[in-house]
């Protein structure tokens, strides 16, 4: 009965708009326990599935053009294998779910090079004190994490914590640019001291007695 009800919701959208016209779908607060198959909406960009009772999310649910996905306030246990094909995603809200594995979640999001806004708070893994820095290190495109703008000082801390070798290299670079050796065939010269009782002519390099 639940699956039939979900199919009816999707069917109404098709009747009203047609598959090729639908860009936004609102399924918030519908009591859904799973995500209906929305992959045939080829122009779909934004989906609201928040405030339901969804536990499972599958890869077949969404097309790869999706840019915004709202799944907050559900009972999702894992997103493994379900979202990695959404390489155009820019906004993803997953806060207040039951996702326990941070590493698994981050791996799922790594292909999203345009991911700008991400919310994961109120999931069990966010109790880890290094959670925020771990996410920032592995997802460099994220500008807003859990409603808070990412600061450069946080990125530096994340780099020091999770990429020690790279940080050592950066620490040897002065003012952001590594010192280069002189060109081949040239030697670094020092100022030649002026001999006592002599001066250097401006028009000639010969030493002229005073």
N, C-alpha and C. Protein backbone atom coordinates (compact mmCIF):
# COMPACT_ATOMS: atom_id res chain seq x y z
N UNK A 1 0.83 -1.20 0.00
CA UNK A 1 0.00 0.00 0.00
C UNK A 1 0.87 1.26 0.00
N UNK A 2 1.96 1.21 0.76
CA UNK A 2 2.85 2.35 0.82
C UNK A 2 3.46 2.63 -0.54
N UNK A 3 3.90 1.59 -1.24
CA UNK A 3 4.51 1.78 -2.56
C UNK A 3 3.50 2.33 -3.56
N UNK A 4 2.25 1.87 -3.47
CA UNK A 4 1.21 2.38 -4.36
C UNK A 4 0.96 3.87 -4.13
N UNK A 5 1.00 4.27 -2.85
CA UNK A 5 0.76 5.66 -2.52
C UNK A 5 1.88 6.53 -3.08
N UNK A 6 3.12 6.05 -3.00
CA UNK A 6 4.25 6.80 -3.54
C UNK A 6 4.15 6.90 -5.05
N UNK A 7 3.75 5.83 -5.72
CA UNK A 7 3.60 5.85 -7.17
C UNK A 7 2.51 6.83 -7.59
N UNK A 8 1.46 6.94 -6.79
CA UNK A 8 0.39 7.89 -7.10
C UNK A 8 0.89 9.33 -7.02
N UNK A 9 1.76 9.59 -6.02
CA UNK A 9 2.33 10.93 -5.89
C UNK A 9 3.12 11.31 -7.13
N UNK A 10 3.94 10.37 -7.60
CA UNK A 10 4.77 10.62 -8.77
C UNK A 10 3.89 10.76 -10.01
N UNK A 11 2.87 9.94 -10.11
CA UNK A 11 1.98 9.97 -11.27
C UNK A 11 1.29 11.31 -11.41
N UNK A 12 0.91 11.90 -10.30
CA UNK A 12 0.25 13.21 -10.34
C UNK A 12 1.18 14.26 -10.95
N UNK A 13 2.45 14.16 -10.61
CA UNK A 13 3.41 15.12 -11.16
C UNK A 13 3.54 14.95 -12.67
N UNK A 14 3.50 13.69 -13.14
CA UNK A 14 3.62 13.41 -14.56
C UNK A 14 2.42 13.94 -15.31
N UNK A 15 1.22 13.72 -14.77
CA UNK A 15 0.00 14.16 -15.42
C UNK A 15 -0.05 15.67 -15.55
N UNK A 16 0.36 16.35 -14.49
CA UNK A 16 0.28 17.81 -14.49
C UNK A 16 1.34 18.45 -15.38
N UNK A 17 2.58 17.93 -15.29
CA UNK A 17 3.68 18.62 -15.94
C UNK A 17 4.31 17.85 -17.11
N UNK A 18 4.29 16.55 -17.04
CA UNK A 18 5.00 15.75 -18.02
C UNK A 18 6.44 15.55 -17.58
N UNK A 19 7.01 14.38 -17.90
CA UNK A 19 8.36 14.04 -17.44
C UNK A 19 9.40 15.09 -17.82
N UNK A 20 9.33 15.60 -19.03
CA UNK A 20 10.38 16.49 -19.53
C UNK A 20 10.27 17.91 -19.00
N UNK A 21 9.17 18.24 -18.36
CA UNK A 21 8.97 19.60 -17.87
C UNK A 21 9.28 19.77 -16.39
N UNK A 22 9.36 18.68 -15.67
CA UNK A 22 9.51 18.75 -14.22
C UNK A 22 10.96 19.07 -13.84
N UNK A 23 11.16 20.16 -13.11
CA UNK A 23 12.49 20.52 -12.61
C UNK A 23 12.55 20.48 -11.09
N UNK A 24 11.39 20.62 -10.42
CA UNK A 24 11.33 20.61 -8.96
C UNK A 24 10.21 19.67 -8.50
N UNK A 25 10.50 18.89 -7.46
CA UNK A 25 9.49 18.02 -6.87
C UNK A 25 9.49 18.21 -5.36
N UNK A 26 8.31 18.38 -4.79
CA UNK A 26 8.17 18.59 -3.35
C UNK A 26 7.41 17.41 -2.74
N UNK A 27 8.16 16.57 -1.99
CA UNK A 27 7.56 15.43 -1.32
C UNK A 27 7.80 15.51 0.19
N UNK A 28 7.93 16.70 0.71
CA UNK A 28 8.17 16.86 2.15
C UNK A 28 6.91 16.55 2.94
N UNK A 29 7.12 15.96 4.12
CA UNK A 29 6.03 15.70 5.07
C UNK A 29 4.91 14.86 4.46
N UNK A 30 5.30 13.79 3.74
CA UNK A 30 4.30 12.90 3.13
C UNK A 30 4.25 11.54 3.81
N UNK A 31 5.05 11.35 4.85
CA UNK A 31 5.06 10.05 5.54
C UNK A 31 5.76 8.96 4.75
N UNK A 32 6.63 9.33 3.80
CA UNK A 32 7.32 8.34 2.96
C UNK A 32 8.35 7.55 3.77
N UNK A 33 8.45 6.27 3.48
CA UNK A 33 9.45 5.42 4.14
C UNK A 33 10.60 5.07 3.21
N UNK A 34 10.46 5.38 1.94
CA UNK A 34 11.52 5.17 0.96
C UNK A 34 11.39 6.24 -0.13
N UNK A 35 12.44 6.35 -0.92
CA UNK A 35 12.44 7.36 -1.98
C UNK A 35 11.80 6.77 -3.23
N UNK A 36 10.78 7.40 -3.80
CA UNK A 36 10.20 6.90 -5.06
C UNK A 36 11.19 7.04 -6.19
N UNK A 37 11.00 6.24 -7.23
CA UNK A 37 11.89 6.30 -8.39
C UNK A 37 11.61 7.57 -9.18
N UNK A 38 12.60 8.48 -9.16
CA UNK A 38 12.45 9.76 -9.84
C UNK A 38 13.43 9.88 -11.01
N UNK A 39 14.10 8.80 -11.34
CA UNK A 39 15.16 8.84 -12.34
C UNK A 39 14.66 9.19 -13.74
N UNK A 40 13.38 8.93 -14.03
CA UNK A 40 12.88 9.21 -15.38
C UNK A 40 12.53 10.69 -15.59
N UNK A 41 12.64 11.51 -14.54
CA UNK A 41 12.46 12.95 -14.70
C UNK A 41 13.79 13.53 -15.17
N UNK A 42 13.96 13.57 -16.47
CA UNK A 42 15.28 13.88 -17.04
C UNK A 42 15.72 15.32 -16.81
N UNK A 43 14.80 16.23 -16.51
CA UNK A 43 15.16 17.62 -16.29
C UNK A 43 15.11 17.99 -14.81
N UNK A 44 14.96 17.04 -13.96
CA UNK A 44 14.82 17.29 -12.52
C UNK A 44 16.09 17.91 -11.95
N UNK A 45 15.92 19.01 -11.20
CA UNK A 45 17.06 19.70 -10.59
C UNK A 45 16.99 19.73 -9.07
N UNK A 46 15.81 19.91 -8.51
CA UNK A 46 15.67 20.05 -7.06
C UNK A 46 14.60 19.10 -6.53
N UNK A 47 14.91 18.40 -5.43
CA UNK A 47 13.96 17.47 -4.83
C UNK A 47 13.91 17.70 -3.32
N UNK A 48 12.71 17.89 -2.80
CA UNK A 48 12.49 18.03 -1.36
C UNK A 48 11.84 16.74 -0.85
N UNK A 49 12.60 15.99 -0.04
CA UNK A 49 12.10 14.76 0.57
C UNK A 49 12.25 14.82 2.09
N UNK A 50 12.40 16.00 2.60
CA UNK A 50 12.65 16.19 4.03
C UNK A 50 11.40 15.91 4.87
N UNK A 51 11.63 15.67 6.15
CA UNK A 51 10.56 15.47 7.12
C UNK A 51 9.64 14.32 6.75
N UNK A 52 10.26 13.20 6.40
CA UNK A 52 9.53 11.96 6.17
C UNK A 52 10.06 10.88 7.11
N UNK A 53 9.90 9.62 6.75
CA UNK A 53 10.39 8.51 7.56
C UNK A 53 11.29 7.60 6.73
N UNK A 54 12.00 8.20 5.80
CA UNK A 54 12.83 7.46 4.86
C UNK A 54 14.02 6.82 5.58
N UNK A 55 14.26 5.54 5.31
CA UNK A 55 15.38 4.82 5.90
C UNK A 55 16.44 4.46 4.86
N UNK A 56 15.99 4.17 3.65
CA UNK A 56 16.90 3.71 2.60
C UNK A 56 16.86 4.63 1.39
N UNK A 57 18.04 4.86 0.81
CA UNK A 57 18.16 5.65 -0.42
C UNK A 57 18.94 4.80 -1.42
N UNK A 58 18.42 4.66 -2.63
CA UNK A 58 19.09 3.84 -3.64
C UNK A 58 19.56 4.69 -4.81
N UNK A 59 20.52 4.16 -5.53
CA UNK A 59 21.12 4.87 -6.67
C UNK A 59 20.08 5.15 -7.75
N UNK A 60 19.12 4.27 -7.92
CA UNK A 60 18.14 4.40 -9.00
C UNK A 60 17.12 5.51 -8.75
N UNK A 61 17.17 6.14 -7.60
CA UNK A 61 16.14 7.11 -7.24
C UNK A 61 16.24 8.42 -8.01
N UNK A 62 17.47 8.85 -8.38
CA UNK A 62 17.66 10.19 -8.92
C UNK A 62 18.45 10.16 -10.23
N UNK A 63 18.20 11.16 -11.09
CA UNK A 63 19.03 11.29 -12.28
C UNK A 63 20.26 12.13 -11.95
N UNK A 64 21.27 12.02 -12.81
CA UNK A 64 22.58 12.62 -12.50
C UNK A 64 22.61 14.14 -12.63
N UNK A 65 21.55 14.77 -13.13
CA UNK A 65 21.55 16.21 -13.30
C UNK A 65 21.09 16.96 -12.05
N UNK A 66 20.72 16.27 -11.04
CA UNK A 66 20.21 16.89 -9.83
C UNK A 66 21.23 17.84 -9.23
N UNK A 67 20.77 19.04 -8.83
CA UNK A 67 21.68 20.02 -8.23
C UNK A 67 21.37 20.31 -6.76
N UNK A 68 20.14 20.04 -6.33
CA UNK A 68 19.78 20.27 -4.93
C UNK A 68 18.95 19.09 -4.42
N UNK A 69 19.34 18.58 -3.25
CA UNK A 69 18.64 17.43 -2.68
C UNK A 69 18.46 17.65 -1.18
N UNK A 70 17.20 17.60 -0.74
CA UNK A 70 16.87 17.87 0.65
C UNK A 70 16.32 16.60 1.29
N UNK A 71 17.14 15.98 2.15
CA UNK A 71 16.79 14.72 2.80
C UNK A 71 16.86 14.82 4.32
N UNK A 72 16.84 16.02 4.85
CA UNK A 72 16.96 16.21 6.29
C UNK A 72 15.70 15.71 7.02
N UNK A 73 15.90 15.44 8.30
CA UNK A 73 14.78 15.02 9.17
C UNK A 73 14.10 13.75 8.67
N UNK A 74 14.94 12.72 8.45
CA UNK A 74 14.44 11.39 8.10
C UNK A 74 15.08 10.36 9.03
N UNK A 75 15.05 9.10 8.63
CA UNK A 75 15.66 8.02 9.42
C UNK A 75 16.70 7.28 8.60
N UNK A 76 17.40 7.98 7.72
CA UNK A 76 18.36 7.36 6.81
C UNK A 76 19.53 6.78 7.58
N UNK A 77 19.88 5.53 7.28
CA UNK A 77 20.96 4.83 7.97
C UNK A 77 22.28 4.92 7.21
N UNK A 78 22.20 5.03 5.89
CA UNK A 78 23.41 5.07 5.07
C UNK A 78 23.07 5.62 3.69
N UNK A 79 24.06 6.27 3.06
CA UNK A 79 23.89 6.73 1.68
C UNK A 79 24.88 6.02 0.77
N UNK A 80 25.54 4.99 1.25
CA UNK A 80 26.55 4.26 0.49
C UNK A 80 25.98 3.74 -0.83
N UNK A 81 26.65 4.09 -1.93
CA UNK A 81 26.25 3.61 -3.24
C UNK A 81 25.04 4.29 -3.84
N UNK A 82 24.49 5.30 -3.16
CA UNK A 82 23.23 5.90 -3.59
C UNK A 82 23.37 7.26 -4.26
N UNK A 83 24.40 8.02 -3.93
CA UNK A 83 24.47 9.41 -4.39
C UNK A 83 25.72 9.74 -5.21
N UNK A 84 26.65 8.86 -5.30
CA UNK A 84 27.94 9.20 -5.91
C UNK A 84 27.84 9.59 -7.39
N UNK A 85 26.75 9.19 -8.05
CA UNK A 85 26.58 9.55 -9.46
C UNK A 85 26.04 10.98 -9.64
N UNK A 86 25.68 11.63 -8.54
CA UNK A 86 25.13 12.98 -8.61
C UNK A 86 26.26 14.01 -8.63
N UNK A 87 27.02 14.02 -9.70
CA UNK A 87 28.22 14.84 -9.77
C UNK A 87 27.92 16.33 -9.95
N UNK A 88 26.68 16.68 -10.26
CA UNK A 88 26.29 18.09 -10.42
C UNK A 88 25.71 18.68 -9.14
N UNK A 89 25.63 17.89 -8.09
CA UNK A 89 24.98 18.34 -6.87
C UNK A 89 25.72 19.51 -6.24
N UNK A 90 24.96 20.55 -5.88
CA UNK A 90 25.53 21.74 -5.25
C UNK A 90 25.06 21.90 -3.80
N UNK A 91 23.86 21.44 -3.51
CA UNK A 91 23.29 21.57 -2.16
C UNK A 91 22.80 20.20 -1.71
N UNK A 92 23.24 19.77 -0.54
CA UNK A 92 22.81 18.50 0.03
C UNK A 92 22.57 18.66 1.52
N UNK A 93 21.34 18.47 1.95
CA UNK A 93 20.99 18.54 3.36
C UNK A 93 20.62 17.15 3.85
N UNK A 94 21.39 16.66 4.81
CA UNK A 94 21.19 15.32 5.36
C UNK A 94 21.16 15.35 6.89
N UNK A 95 20.97 16.52 7.46
CA UNK A 95 21.03 16.60 8.92
C UNK A 95 19.84 15.91 9.57
N UNK A 96 20.05 15.52 10.81
CA UNK A 96 19.02 14.84 11.61
C UNK A 96 18.55 13.54 10.97
N UNK A 97 19.54 12.67 10.69
CA UNK A 97 19.27 11.30 10.26
C UNK A 97 20.00 10.35 11.20
N UNK A 98 20.17 9.10 10.78
CA UNK A 98 20.80 8.10 11.64
C UNK A 98 22.05 7.51 11.00
N UNK A 99 22.77 8.33 10.24
CA UNK A 99 23.96 7.86 9.54
C UNK A 99 25.13 7.76 10.52
N UNK A 100 25.76 6.59 10.58
CA UNK A 100 26.78 6.35 11.60
C UNK A 100 28.22 6.38 11.08
N UNK A 101 28.42 6.06 9.81
CA UNK A 101 29.79 5.95 9.30
C UNK A 101 30.21 7.20 8.54
N UNK A 102 31.13 7.97 9.11
CA UNK A 102 31.60 9.20 8.50
C UNK A 102 32.42 8.91 7.25
N UNK A 103 33.37 7.97 7.32
CA UNK A 103 34.23 7.68 6.19
C UNK A 103 33.42 7.23 4.98
N UNK A 104 32.46 6.38 5.20
CA UNK A 104 31.61 5.89 4.13
C UNK A 104 30.82 7.02 3.48
N UNK A 105 30.35 7.95 4.29
CA UNK A 105 29.58 9.08 3.80
C UNK A 105 30.44 10.00 2.95
N UNK A 106 31.64 10.30 3.42
CA UNK A 106 32.54 11.20 2.70
C UNK A 106 32.94 10.60 1.36
N UNK A 107 33.21 9.31 1.33
CA UNK A 107 33.57 8.64 0.07
C UNK A 107 32.44 8.79 -0.94
N UNK A 108 31.22 8.73 -0.48
CA UNK A 108 30.07 8.85 -1.36
C UNK A 108 29.96 10.24 -1.99
N UNK A 109 30.51 11.24 -1.32
CA UNK A 109 30.37 12.62 -1.78
C UNK A 109 31.60 13.14 -2.52
N UNK A 110 32.65 12.36 -2.61
CA UNK A 110 33.92 12.85 -3.14
C UNK A 110 33.86 13.26 -4.61
N UNK A 111 32.99 12.68 -5.38
CA UNK A 111 32.92 13.01 -6.81
C UNK A 111 32.15 14.30 -7.08
N UNK A 112 31.58 14.87 -6.07
CA UNK A 112 30.75 16.08 -6.23
C UNK A 112 31.63 17.32 -6.16
N UNK A 113 32.24 17.66 -7.28
CA UNK A 113 33.20 18.76 -7.31
C UNK A 113 32.55 20.14 -7.15
N UNK A 114 31.24 20.22 -7.34
CA UNK A 114 30.54 21.50 -7.21
C UNK A 114 29.74 21.60 -5.90
N UNK A 115 29.90 20.64 -5.04
CA UNK A 115 29.14 20.65 -3.78
C UNK A 115 29.53 21.86 -2.95
N UNK A 116 28.59 22.73 -2.74
CA UNK A 116 28.85 24.04 -2.10
C UNK A 116 28.31 24.09 -0.68
N UNK A 117 27.11 23.56 -0.49
CA UNK A 117 26.45 23.61 0.81
C UNK A 117 26.12 22.20 1.27
N UNK A 118 26.60 21.86 2.46
CA UNK A 118 26.41 20.51 3.00
C UNK A 118 26.03 20.59 4.47
N UNK A 119 25.00 19.86 4.85
CA UNK A 119 24.58 19.81 6.26
C UNK A 119 24.46 18.36 6.70
N UNK A 120 25.22 18.02 7.73
CA UNK A 120 25.26 16.64 8.23
C UNK A 120 25.04 16.56 9.74
N UNK A 121 24.84 17.69 10.40
CA UNK A 121 24.76 17.68 11.85
C UNK A 121 23.55 16.87 12.33
N UNK A 122 23.61 16.45 13.58
CA UNK A 122 22.59 15.60 14.21
C UNK A 122 22.53 14.21 13.59
N UNK A 123 23.66 13.78 13.01
CA UNK A 123 23.87 12.37 12.69
C UNK A 123 24.86 11.83 13.73
N UNK A 124 24.81 10.54 14.05
CA UNK A 124 25.69 10.01 15.11
C UNK A 124 27.17 10.32 14.90
N UNK A 125 27.67 10.30 13.65
CA UNK A 125 29.11 10.50 13.45
C UNK A 125 29.57 11.92 13.75
N UNK A 126 28.67 12.87 13.84
CA UNK A 126 29.08 14.25 14.12
C UNK A 126 29.51 14.45 15.57
N UNK A 127 29.36 13.42 16.39
CA UNK A 127 29.86 13.49 17.76
C UNK A 127 31.37 13.37 17.83
N UNK A 128 31.98 12.91 16.76
CA UNK A 128 33.44 12.82 16.67
C UNK A 128 34.01 14.24 16.66
N UNK A 129 34.92 14.58 17.58
CA UNK A 129 35.45 15.95 17.66
C UNK A 129 36.22 16.38 16.41
N UNK A 130 36.68 15.42 15.60
CA UNK A 130 37.42 15.76 14.39
C UNK A 130 36.54 15.71 13.14
N UNK A 131 35.25 15.54 13.34
CA UNK A 131 34.32 15.38 12.23
C UNK A 131 34.40 16.52 11.22
N UNK A 132 34.30 17.75 11.70
CA UNK A 132 34.25 18.90 10.78
C UNK A 132 35.53 19.02 9.96
N UNK A 133 36.69 18.90 10.61
CA UNK A 133 37.95 19.02 9.90
C UNK A 133 38.13 17.88 8.90
N UNK A 134 37.66 16.71 9.25
CA UNK A 134 37.75 15.55 8.34
C UNK A 134 36.96 15.82 7.06
N UNK A 135 35.76 16.33 7.20
CA UNK A 135 34.92 16.64 6.05
C UNK A 135 35.55 17.73 5.19
N UNK A 136 36.05 18.78 5.82
CA UNK A 136 36.64 19.89 5.07
C UNK A 136 37.89 19.46 4.31
N UNK A 137 38.66 18.56 4.89
CA UNK A 137 39.87 18.09 4.22
C UNK A 137 39.53 17.27 2.97
N UNK A 138 38.54 16.41 3.07
CA UNK A 138 38.22 15.50 1.98
C UNK A 138 37.23 16.08 0.97
N UNK A 139 36.53 17.14 1.34
CA UNK A 139 35.56 17.77 0.43
C UNK A 139 35.90 19.26 0.29
N UNK A 140 36.95 19.59 -0.44
CA UNK A 140 37.43 20.98 -0.50
C UNK A 140 36.48 21.96 -1.17
N UNK A 141 35.51 21.49 -1.92
CA UNK A 141 34.58 22.41 -2.59
C UNK A 141 33.53 22.99 -1.65
N UNK A 142 33.35 22.38 -0.49
CA UNK A 142 32.30 22.81 0.44
C UNK A 142 32.64 24.17 1.04
N UNK A 143 31.71 25.11 0.91
CA UNK A 143 31.89 26.47 1.45
C UNK A 143 31.06 26.69 2.72
N UNK A 144 29.96 25.98 2.83
CA UNK A 144 29.12 26.07 4.01
C UNK A 144 28.85 24.66 4.53
N UNK A 145 29.30 24.41 5.75
CA UNK A 145 29.09 23.11 6.38
C UNK A 145 28.28 23.28 7.65
N UNK A 146 27.14 22.62 7.70
CA UNK A 146 26.25 22.71 8.86
C UNK A 146 25.88 24.16 9.18
N UNK A 147 25.49 24.88 8.16
CA UNK A 147 25.03 26.28 8.22
C UNK A 147 26.13 27.28 8.59
N UNK A 148 27.36 26.81 8.71
CA UNK A 148 28.47 27.69 9.10
C UNK A 148 29.47 27.81 7.96
N UNK A 149 29.83 29.05 7.64
CA UNK A 149 30.78 29.27 6.55
C UNK A 149 32.15 28.73 6.92
N UNK A 150 32.79 28.08 5.96
CA UNK A 150 34.10 27.49 6.19
C UNK A 150 35.16 28.59 6.18
N UNK A 151 36.07 28.56 7.17
CA UNK A 151 37.14 29.55 7.29
C UNK A 151 38.47 28.93 6.84
N UNK A 152 39.35 29.79 6.33
CA UNK A 152 40.65 29.32 5.88
C UNK A 152 41.47 28.71 7.02
N UNK A 153 41.32 29.25 8.20
CA UNK A 153 42.05 28.70 9.33
C UNK A 153 41.63 27.26 9.61
N UNK A 154 40.37 26.94 9.34
CA UNK A 154 39.90 25.56 9.50
C UNK A 154 40.53 24.65 8.46
N UNK A 155 40.66 25.14 7.25
CA UNK A 155 41.28 24.33 6.20
C UNK A 155 42.74 24.06 6.52
N UNK A 156 43.43 25.05 7.07
CA UNK A 156 44.84 24.84 7.45
C UNK A 156 44.95 23.82 8.57
N UNK A 157 44.05 23.90 9.53
CA UNK A 157 44.05 22.92 10.63
C UNK A 157 43.77 21.53 10.10
N UNK A 158 42.84 21.43 9.16
CA UNK A 158 42.50 20.13 8.58
C UNK A 158 43.68 19.55 7.82
N UNK A 159 44.40 20.42 7.10
CA UNK A 159 45.56 19.97 6.34
C UNK A 159 46.65 19.45 7.27
N UNK A 160 46.90 20.16 8.34
CA UNK A 160 47.92 19.72 9.30
C UNK A 160 47.53 18.41 9.97
N UNK A 161 46.24 18.22 10.18
CA UNK A 161 45.78 17.04 10.90
C UNK A 161 45.73 15.80 10.02
N UNK A 162 45.32 15.96 8.76
CA UNK A 162 45.08 14.79 7.92
C UNK A 162 46.05 14.65 6.74
N UNK A 163 46.90 15.63 6.51
CA UNK A 163 47.89 15.52 5.44
C UNK A 163 49.19 16.13 5.91
N UNK A 164 49.86 15.43 6.79
CA UNK A 164 51.07 15.94 7.43
C UNK A 164 52.18 16.18 6.41
N UNK A 165 52.37 15.26 5.45
CA UNK A 165 53.46 15.38 4.49
C UNK A 165 53.28 16.62 3.61
N UNK A 166 52.07 16.87 3.14
CA UNK A 166 51.83 18.04 2.30
C UNK A 166 52.05 19.32 3.08
N UNK A 167 51.67 19.33 4.34
CA UNK A 167 51.86 20.52 5.17
C UNK A 167 53.34 20.82 5.35
N UNK A 168 54.17 19.77 5.46
CA UNK A 168 55.61 19.98 5.60
C UNK A 168 56.17 20.69 4.38
N UNK A 169 55.68 20.32 3.20
CA UNK A 169 56.12 20.96 1.97
C UNK A 169 55.70 22.42 1.95
N UNK A 170 54.46 22.68 2.32
CA UNK A 170 53.96 24.05 2.32
C UNK A 170 54.70 24.92 3.32
N UNK A 171 55.11 24.33 4.43
CA UNK A 171 55.83 25.08 5.44
C UNK A 171 57.20 25.55 4.96
N UNK A 172 57.74 24.89 3.92
CA UNK A 172 59.05 25.28 3.40
C UNK A 172 58.94 26.35 2.33
N UNK A 173 57.74 26.72 1.96
CA UNK A 173 57.53 27.71 0.92
C UNK A 173 57.35 29.09 1.56
N UNK A 174 58.18 30.04 1.17
CA UNK A 174 58.11 31.38 1.75
C UNK A 174 57.14 32.24 0.96
N UNK A 175 56.22 32.86 1.66
CA UNK A 175 55.26 33.77 1.07
C UNK A 175 54.47 33.11 -0.06
N UNK A 176 54.25 31.82 0.07
CA UNK A 176 53.42 31.12 -0.90
C UNK A 176 54.13 30.76 -2.20
N UNK A 177 55.45 31.06 -2.30
CA UNK A 177 56.18 30.73 -3.53
C UNK A 177 57.53 30.15 -3.15
N UNK A 178 57.81 28.96 -3.66
CA UNK A 178 59.05 28.29 -3.29
C UNK A 178 60.24 29.00 -3.93
N UNK A 179 61.32 29.17 -3.15
CA UNK A 179 62.52 29.82 -3.66
C UNK A 179 63.14 28.99 -4.77
N UNK A 180 63.48 29.64 -5.92
CA UNK A 180 64.03 28.94 -7.06
C UNK A 180 65.53 29.19 -7.15
N UNK A 181 66.30 28.21 -7.66
CA UNK A 181 67.74 28.42 -7.83
C UNK A 181 67.99 29.39 -8.98
N UNK A 182 69.18 30.03 -9.05
CA UNK A 182 69.48 30.94 -10.16
C UNK A 182 69.51 30.18 -11.48
N UNK A 183 69.25 30.86 -12.61
CA UNK A 183 69.27 30.19 -13.91
C UNK A 183 70.62 29.54 -14.17
N UNK A 184 70.61 28.49 -14.99
CA UNK A 184 71.84 27.78 -15.32
C UNK A 184 72.80 28.72 -16.03
N UNK A 185 74.06 28.70 -15.63
CA UNK A 185 75.05 29.56 -16.28
C UNK A 185 75.26 30.88 -15.57
N UNK A 186 74.40 31.17 -14.59
CA UNK A 186 74.55 32.41 -13.83
C UNK A 186 74.89 32.08 -12.39
N UNK A 187 75.68 32.92 -11.76
CA UNK A 187 76.03 32.74 -10.37
C UNK A 187 75.53 33.93 -9.57
N UNK A 188 75.13 33.65 -8.36
CA UNK A 188 74.72 34.74 -7.48
C UNK A 188 75.95 35.55 -7.11
N UNK A 189 75.91 36.87 -7.27
CA UNK A 189 77.07 37.72 -6.98
C UNK A 189 76.78 38.60 -5.79
N UNK A 190 77.81 38.92 -5.08
CA UNK A 190 77.70 39.83 -3.95
C UNK A 190 78.26 41.19 -4.35
N UNK A 191 77.99 42.21 -3.58
CA UNK A 191 78.51 43.55 -3.85
C UNK A 191 80.02 43.56 -3.70
N UNK A 192 80.72 44.08 -4.71
CA UNK A 192 82.18 44.13 -4.67
C UNK A 192 82.61 45.31 -3.82
N UNK A 193 83.39 45.12 -2.78
CA UNK A 193 83.81 46.24 -1.94
C UNK A 193 84.74 47.18 -2.69
N UNK A 194 84.58 48.47 -2.49
CA UNK A 194 85.42 49.47 -3.15
C UNK A 194 86.78 49.52 -2.49
N UNK A 195 87.86 49.32 -3.26
CA UNK A 195 89.21 49.36 -2.67
C UNK A 195 89.48 50.73 -2.06
N UNK A 196 90.31 50.75 -1.01
CA UNK A 196 90.66 51.99 -0.34
C UNK A 196 91.47 52.88 -1.27
N UNK A 197 91.16 54.16 -1.39
CA UNK A 197 91.89 55.11 -2.23
C UNK A 197 91.47 55.08 -3.67
N UNK A 198 90.44 54.32 -4.04
CA UNK A 198 90.00 54.24 -5.42
C UNK A 198 88.49 54.40 -5.46
N UNK A 199 88.00 54.81 -6.66
CA UNK A 199 86.56 54.84 -6.82
C UNK A 199 86.20 54.29 -8.18
N UNK A 200 84.96 53.88 -8.34
CA UNK A 200 84.50 53.28 -9.60
C UNK A 200 83.83 54.35 -10.42
N UNK A 201 84.31 54.55 -11.63
CA UNK A 201 83.70 55.52 -12.53
C UNK A 201 82.34 55.04 -12.98
N UNK A 202 81.36 55.98 -13.10
CA UNK A 202 80.03 55.62 -13.53
C UNK A 202 80.00 55.18 -14.99
N UNK A 203 80.97 55.69 -15.80
CA UNK A 203 80.98 55.39 -17.23
C UNK A 203 81.91 54.24 -17.57
N UNK A 204 82.65 53.82 -16.61
CA UNK A 204 83.60 52.75 -16.90
C UNK A 204 83.78 51.89 -15.68
N UNK A 205 84.12 50.67 -15.92
CA UNK A 205 84.35 49.75 -14.81
C UNK A 205 85.81 49.76 -14.38
N UNK A 206 86.68 50.62 -15.06
CA UNK A 206 88.08 50.70 -14.67
C UNK A 206 88.21 51.43 -13.36
N UNK A 207 89.16 51.01 -12.56
CA UNK A 207 89.44 51.67 -11.32
C UNK A 207 90.34 52.87 -11.56
N UNK A 208 89.89 54.02 -11.14
CA UNK A 208 90.66 55.26 -11.37
C UNK A 208 91.25 55.73 -10.05
N UNK A 209 92.55 55.97 -10.00
CA UNK A 209 93.17 56.45 -8.74
C UNK A 209 92.64 57.83 -8.39
N UNK A 210 92.51 58.07 -7.11
CA UNK A 210 92.03 59.38 -6.63
C UNK A 210 93.19 60.37 -6.60
